[in-house]
Amino acid sequence: MQTLIFNQGDASESRIYYCAHYLAESLGLFAAENLQVTFTTSASGGHTVQGGQVPAVLSREADLTLGGPMVVMKHFQQHGAELQCFCASVAANPWFLAAAQAQPDFKLSDLRGKRMLDVGNVGTATLTFRWLLSQQGLQDQVELIAGSGDQVQDFAAVAVGDADYALHAMHMLAPAIAAGQLASVTSLASLCGNVPWSAYIARADVLIEKAASFAAFSRAIQQALAWIATHDAEALAAQVQHFYPHYPIDALITGLAAYQQAHVFAVNCEISQADFNHFSQLLSDIGWLDPSQPVPYLALVTQAGVER
């Protein structure tokens, strides 16, 4: 039996759009590949290269983690090609806009003159949203308000009209939407285009040392992603619910359905060069990456287990 240690970061990192590996475990896809994946956590997480799970991978306490390729790109600019993405998970921006009432004819231009609560205050998500506004010429037309740090309070403020919209991942929004407090207005996925928002990450040297195990892992994830594409949210929720023990089942179904409809889950585990380059350009445009130092796809992405 091959083994891999998977550090997921702290508890907050276990979001519902990261369910592909849970599904692979639930369906026995890892076991079918003669692979045992041990899930571990860190005491703290984070939104940068210093996030809790990344040091665990760098120190070899863990074999792999899951996070944004933006972390691998940033790490390359600071330290070189020590980390690589090897399997896709989330292929589009998982952030959504929500409001007190549904707005079926919503257009991004409808944000002009409105107040937006950035509930999550997550650096790259905020910068990406500002990039979207600038693409529409709205960068000075929307009041973007930093969240208070109290999600319940911020959602309540939108529900009663003290702010017009909430910006957050559907993982956080779904319980309020399922409860009827808020309504989903739009996904940011299609607005940003195809971007490898999240992928499985490992040290480049460990990927070589444990090539067979990583190939088995990727094959299982590929099958899990195919399963997600061919089953509805109720079936998916039934398979992964026990990995989210404190998440209401109606919210889980609501959130997973929203992600499926927005095509947030990767279709397969391949990370295309076109999507990687689009994302790196976006991250350079928003100032996350140093535009004077290109991030090379071939040095930072390997396709472990992907059938070509």
Protein backbone atom coordinates (compact mmCIF):
# COMPACT_ATOMS: atom_id res chain seq x y z
CA MET A 1 0.00 0.00 0.00
CA GLN A 2 1.39 3.39 -1.05
CA THR A 3 0.91 6.28 1.39
CA LEU A 4 0.74 10.07 1.14
CA ILE A 5 0.35 12.61 3.96
CA PHE A 6 -1.97 15.45 2.95
CA ASN A 7 -1.87 18.60 5.10
CA GLN A 8 -5.03 20.66 4.58
CA GLY A 9 -4.07 23.71 6.63
CA ASP A 10 -6.26 24.70 9.55
CA ALA A 11 -9.93 23.77 9.89
CA SER A 12 -11.05 26.84 7.91
CA GLU A 13 -9.25 25.51 4.83
CA SER A 14 -11.67 22.55 4.53
CA ARG A 15 -14.11 24.32 2.23
CA ILE A 16 -16.84 22.65 0.25
CA TYR A 17 -15.27 23.53 -3.10
CA TYR A 18 -12.30 21.41 -1.94
CA CYS A 19 -14.42 18.26 -1.87
CA ALA A 20 -12.80 16.26 -4.69
CA HIS A 21 -10.33 14.45 -2.43
CA TYR A 22 -13.07 13.74 0.12
CA LEU A 23 -15.18 12.27 -2.65
CA ALA A 24 -12.24 10.16 -3.81
CA GLU A 25 -11.87 8.83 -0.27
CA SER A 26 -15.61 8.27 0.14
CA LEU A 27 -15.95 6.38 -3.15
CA GLY A 28 -12.91 4.22 -2.43
CA LEU A 29 -10.99 5.65 -5.39
CA PHE A 30 -7.74 6.00 -3.44
CA ALA A 31 -8.06 2.46 -2.14
CA ALA A 32 -8.66 1.19 -5.67
CA GLU A 33 -5.30 2.74 -6.60
CA ASN A 34 -3.62 0.93 -3.68
CA LEU A 35 -3.11 4.32 -2.05
CA GLN A 36 -3.70 5.44 1.52
CA VAL A 37 -4.07 9.21 1.98
CA THR A 38 -3.69 10.46 5.55
CA PHE A 39 -5.41 13.81 6.10
CA THR A 40 -3.72 16.11 8.61
CA THR A 41 -4.16 19.76 9.61
CA SER A 42 -1.99 22.64 10.78
CA ALA A 43 -2.48 24.77 13.86
CA SER A 44 -2.92 27.82 11.63
CA GLY A 45 -3.71 28.58 8.03
CA GLY A 46 -3.11 31.65 5.94
CA HIS A 47 -3.58 33.35 2.60
CA THR A 48 0.09 33.65 1.61
CA VAL A 49 3.20 31.57 1.17
CA GLN A 50 3.44 31.52 4.97
CA GLY A 51 0.09 29.71 5.32
CA GLY A 52 0.12 26.79 7.76
CA GLN A 53 0.03 23.98 5.21
CA VAL A 54 2.83 25.25 2.97
CA PRO A 55 5.60 25.06 5.61
CA ALA A 56 4.48 21.50 6.36
CA VAL A 57 5.11 20.58 2.73
CA LEU A 58 8.38 22.50 2.53
CA SER A 59 9.67 20.79 5.69
CA ARG A 60 8.54 17.35 4.41
CA GLU A 61 6.18 16.88 7.35
CA ALA A 62 3.53 16.41 4.66
CA ASP A 63 3.78 15.18 1.08
CA LEU A 64 1.16 17.48 -0.41
CA THR A 65 -1.40 20.16 0.23
CA LEU A 66 -4.15 22.00 -1.63
CA GLY A 67 -4.14 25.70 -2.34
CA GLY A 68 -3.85 28.40 -4.91
CA PRO A 69 -1.25 28.15 -7.68
CA MET A 70 -0.78 31.84 -6.87
CA VAL A 71 1.14 30.62 -3.81
CA VAL A 72 3.43 28.51 -6.01
CA MET A 73 3.94 31.48 -8.33
CA LYS A 74 4.73 33.81 -5.44
CA HIS A 75 7.07 31.25 -3.88
CA PHE A 76 8.90 30.96 -7.21
CA GLN A 77 9.50 34.70 -7.33
CA GLN A 78 10.83 34.66 -3.78
CA HIS A 79 12.65 31.31 -3.59
CA GLY A 80 12.70 29.55 -6.96
CA ALA A 81 10.93 26.47 -8.33
CA GLU A 82 10.79 24.52 -5.06
CA LEU A 83 7.04 23.86 -5.23
CA GLN A 84 4.91 22.57 -8.09
CA CYS A 85 1.21 22.23 -8.83
CA PHE A 86 0.48 18.73 -10.07
CA CYS A 87 -3.29 18.25 -10.22
CA ALA A 88 -6.21 20.66 -10.66
CA SER A 89 -9.08 20.98 -8.20
CA VAL A 90 -10.87 24.33 -8.66
CA ALA A 91 -10.81 25.75 -12.18
CA ALA A 92 -12.57 29.08 -11.66
CA ASN A 93 -13.03 31.86 -9.12
CA PRO A 94 -15.25 30.42 -6.31
CA TRP A 95 -16.38 33.84 -5.02
CA PHE A 96 -19.98 35.01 -5.39
CA LEU A 97 -22.02 38.15 -4.84
CA ALA A 98 -25.12 37.93 -2.66
CA ALA A 99 -27.86 40.43 -1.81
CA ALA A 100 -31.03 40.63 0.25
CA GLN A 101 -33.15 39.75 -2.78
CA ALA A 102 -32.60 37.77 -5.97
CA GLN A 103 -31.63 39.83 -9.03
CA PRO A 104 -32.18 37.54 -12.04
CA ASP A 105 -31.16 40.18 -14.59
CA PHE A 106 -28.04 41.30 -12.72
CA LYS A 107 -25.13 42.77 -14.68
CA LEU A 108 -21.80 43.85 -13.21
CA SER A 109 -22.62 47.41 -14.27
CA ASP A 110 -25.49 47.29 -11.75
CA LEU A 111 -22.85 47.74 -9.04
CA ARG A 112 -22.34 51.37 -10.01
CA GLY A 113 -23.01 53.55 -6.97
CA LYS A 114 -23.54 50.54 -4.67
CA ARG A 115 -21.98 49.51 -1.36
CA MET A 116 -20.17 46.18 -1.35
CA LEU A 117 -19.20 44.40 1.86
CA ASP A 118 -16.01 42.39 1.33
CA VAL A 119 -16.92 39.93 4.06
CA GLY A 120 -13.97 37.57 3.62
CA ASN A 121 -11.18 40.17 3.39
CA VAL A 122 -9.04 37.60 1.53
CA GLY A 123 -6.20 39.38 -0.27
CA THR A 124 -6.18 37.73 -3.69
CA ALA A 125 -9.99 37.51 -3.83
CA THR A 126 -10.31 41.22 -3.02
CA LEU A 127 -7.66 42.21 -5.53
CA THR A 128 -9.29 40.02 -8.18
CA PHE A 129 -12.64 41.67 -7.55
CA ARG A 130 -11.00 45.09 -7.91
CA TRP A 131 -9.51 43.85 -11.20
CA LEU A 132 -13.01 42.90 -12.38
CA LEU A 133 -14.30 46.36 -11.49
CA SER A 134 -11.45 48.00 -13.41
CA GLN A 135 -12.23 45.82 -16.45
CA GLN A 136 -15.72 47.34 -16.43
CA GLY A 137 -14.55 50.89 -15.69
CA LEU A 138 -16.16 50.68 -12.26
CA GLN A 139 -13.08 50.97 -10.07
CA ASP A 140 -14.18 54.36 -8.72
CA GLN A 141 -17.92 53.67 -8.91
CA VAL A 142 -18.33 51.01 -6.22
CA GLU A 143 -17.79 51.51 -2.50
CA LEU A 144 -15.88 48.42 -1.37
CA ILE A 145 -16.12 48.13 2.40
CA ALA A 146 -13.86 45.81 4.39
CA GLY A 147 -15.76 43.22 6.38
CA SER A 148 -16.04 43.70 10.12
CA GLY A 149 -14.56 40.31 10.95
CA ASP A 150 -18.00 39.17 12.15
CA GLN A 151 -19.57 37.26 9.26
CA VAL A 152 -22.98 37.01 10.94
CA GLN A 153 -23.05 40.77 11.48
CA ASP A 154 -21.97 41.49 7.90
CA PHE A 155 -24.58 39.20 6.36
CA ALA A 156 -27.24 40.78 8.57
CA ALA A 157 -26.17 44.24 7.37
CA VAL A 158 -26.76 43.19 3.76
CA ALA A 159 -30.05 41.50 4.64
CA VAL A 160 -31.46 44.72 6.13
CA GLY A 161 -30.06 47.02 3.44
CA ASP A 162 -27.19 48.66 5.32
CA ALA A 163 -25.01 47.42 2.45
CA ASP A 164 -26.13 46.39 -1.03
CA TYR A 165 -24.03 43.27 -1.64
CA ALA A 166 -21.84 40.74 0.13
CA LEU A 167 -18.70 39.36 -1.53
CA HIS A 168 -17.59 35.96 -0.28
CA ALA A 169 -17.00 32.35 -1.27
CA MET A 170 -20.17 30.27 -1.64
CA HIS A 171 -18.82 28.03 1.14
CA MET A 172 -19.55 30.88 3.55
CA LEU A 173 -22.63 32.26 1.80
CA ALA A 174 -24.55 29.00 1.36
CA PRO A 175 -25.88 28.69 4.96
CA ALA A 176 -27.32 32.22 4.78
CA ILE A 177 -28.76 31.56 1.31
CA ALA A 178 -30.27 28.22 2.33
CA ALA A 179 -31.83 29.93 5.37
CA GLY A 180 -33.44 32.59 3.16
CA GLN A 181 -31.42 35.44 4.66
CA LEU A 182 -29.56 36.22 1.43
CA ALA A 183 -29.90 35.40 -2.26
CA SER A 184 -27.12 34.53 -4.66
CA VAL A 185 -26.76 37.24 -7.31
CA THR A 186 -23.88 36.07 -9.48
CA SER A 187 -20.81 33.89 -9.56
CA LEU A 188 -17.49 35.54 -10.39
CA ALA A 189 -16.30 32.37 -12.17
CA SER A 190 -17.30 33.26 -15.71
CA LEU A 191 -16.36 36.91 -15.21
CA CYS A 192 -12.73 35.99 -14.46
CA GLY A 193 -12.45 33.29 -17.10
CA ASN A 194 -10.80 29.91 -16.66
CA VAL A 195 -8.17 30.16 -13.93
CA PRO A 196 -6.57 27.35 -11.91
CA TRP A 197 -7.77 28.86 -8.64
CA SER A 198 -6.81 25.85 -6.54
CA ALA A 199 -4.62 22.83 -7.18
CA TYR A 200 -2.76 20.11 -5.32
CA ILE A 201 0.79 21.18 -4.47
CA ALA A 202 3.98 19.35 -3.51
CA ARG A 203 7.72 19.83 -3.45
CA ALA A 204 9.25 19.25 -6.86
CA ASP A 205 11.76 16.75 -5.48
CA VAL A 206 9.10 14.82 -3.55
CA LEU A 207 7.00 14.58 -6.70
CA ILE A 208 9.92 12.78 -8.32
CA GLU A 209 10.68 10.59 -5.30
CA LYS A 210 7.06 9.44 -4.94
CA ALA A 211 6.03 9.63 -8.58
CA ALA A 212 3.94 6.45 -8.49
CA SER A 213 1.99 7.59 -5.44
CA PHE A 214 1.28 11.01 -6.89
CA ALA A 215 0.19 9.47 -10.19
CA ALA A 216 -2.21 7.22 -8.27
CA PHE A 217 -3.53 10.23 -6.33
CA SER A 218 -4.14 12.19 -9.55
CA ARG A 219 -5.92 9.28 -11.21
CA ALA A 220 -8.27 9.06 -8.22
CA ILE A 221 -8.92 12.82 -8.30
CA GLN A 222 -9.55 12.63 -12.06
CA GLN A 223 -12.24 10.00 -11.43
CA ALA A 224 -13.72 12.07 -8.59
CA LEU A 225 -13.96 15.16 -10.80
CA ALA A 226 -15.65 13.10 -13.51
CA TRP A 227 -18.12 11.82 -10.89
CA ILE A 228 -18.90 15.40 -9.79
CA ALA A 229 -19.62 16.33 -13.40
CA THR A 230 -22.16 13.54 -13.81
CA HIS A 231 -24.05 13.62 -10.49
CA ASP A 232 -26.27 16.23 -8.89
CA ALA A 233 -25.58 18.18 -5.72
CA GLU A 234 -27.79 15.93 -3.57
CA ALA A 235 -25.78 12.85 -4.54
CA LEU A 236 -22.49 14.68 -4.03
CA ALA A 237 -23.57 16.00 -0.64
CA ALA A 238 -24.53 12.50 0.48
CA GLN A 239 -21.03 11.26 -0.34
CA VAL A 240 -19.05 14.04 1.38
CA GLN A 241 -21.35 15.18 4.20
CA HIS A 242 -19.46 13.31 6.92
CA PHE A 243 -16.34 15.32 6.10
CA TYR A 244 -18.28 18.51 6.96
CA PRO A 245 -19.93 17.45 10.23
CA HIS A 246 -20.93 20.96 11.34
CA TYR A 247 -22.19 22.16 7.95
CA PRO A 248 -26.00 22.06 7.49
CA ILE A 249 -27.04 19.57 4.82
CA ASP A 250 -29.38 22.01 3.07
CA ALA A 251 -26.54 24.54 2.87
CA LEU A 252 -24.17 21.86 1.61
CA ILE A 253 -26.55 21.00 -1.23
CA THR A 254 -27.13 24.69 -2.00
CA GLY A 255 -23.42 25.46 -2.09
CA LEU A 256 -22.37 22.42 -4.11
CA ALA A 257 -25.15 23.06 -6.64
CA ALA A 258 -24.00 26.67 -7.04
CA TYR A 259 -20.44 25.55 -7.65
CA GLN A 260 -21.55 22.93 -10.17
CA GLN A 261 -23.73 25.42 -12.04
CA ALA A 262 -20.87 27.94 -12.16
CA HIS A 263 -18.43 25.27 -13.42
CA VAL A 264 -16.08 25.94 -10.53
CA PHE A 265 -14.91 22.34 -10.17
CA ALA A 266 -12.15 21.33 -12.58
CA VAL A 267 -13.32 19.03 -15.39
CA ASN A 268 -10.18 16.92 -15.00
CA CYS A 269 -6.89 17.21 -13.17
CA GLU A 270 -4.89 18.76 -16.01
CA ILE A 271 -3.76 22.36 -15.50
CA SER A 272 -3.54 23.91 -18.96
CA GLN A 273 -0.81 26.34 -19.90
CA ALA A 274 -3.35 28.79 -21.30
CA ASP A 275 -5.29 28.91 -18.01
CA PHE A 276 -2.08 29.14 -15.97
CA ASN A 277 -0.79 32.02 -18.11
CA HIS A 278 -4.13 33.83 -17.92
CA PHE A 279 -4.09 33.53 -14.14
CA SER A 280 -0.48 34.67 -13.82
CA GLN A 281 -1.24 37.70 -16.01
CA LEU A 282 -4.28 38.54 -13.88
CA LEU A 283 -2.19 38.20 -10.70
CA SER A 284 0.46 40.47 -12.20
CA ASP A 285 -2.17 43.02 -13.20
CA ILE A 286 -3.51 43.19 -9.63
CA GLY A 287 -0.06 43.48 -8.09
CA TRP A 288 0.09 40.06 -6.42
CA LEU A 289 3.01 39.03 -8.65
CA ASP A 290 6.01 41.04 -9.76
CA PRO A 291 5.33 41.60 -13.48
CA SER A 292 9.06 41.96 -14.18
CA GLN A 293 9.65 38.33 -13.18
CA PRO A 294 7.59 35.92 -15.34
CA VAL A 295 6.42 32.68 -13.75
CA PRO A 296 7.24 29.73 -16.05
CA TYR A 297 4.50 27.16 -16.53
CA LEU A 298 6.90 24.32 -17.33
CA ALA A 299 8.87 24.86 -14.12
CA LEU A 300 5.84 25.15 -11.83
CA VAL A 301 3.31 22.67 -13.22
CA THR A 302 3.70 18.94 -13.63
CA GLN A 303 0.91 16.63 -14.73
CA ALA A 304 1.31 13.65 -12.41
CA GLY A 305 -0.95 10.85 -13.57
CA VAL A 306 -2.61 12.81 -16.38
CA GLU A 307 -3.20 10.67 -19.46
CA ARG A 308 -2.23 12.57 -22.57
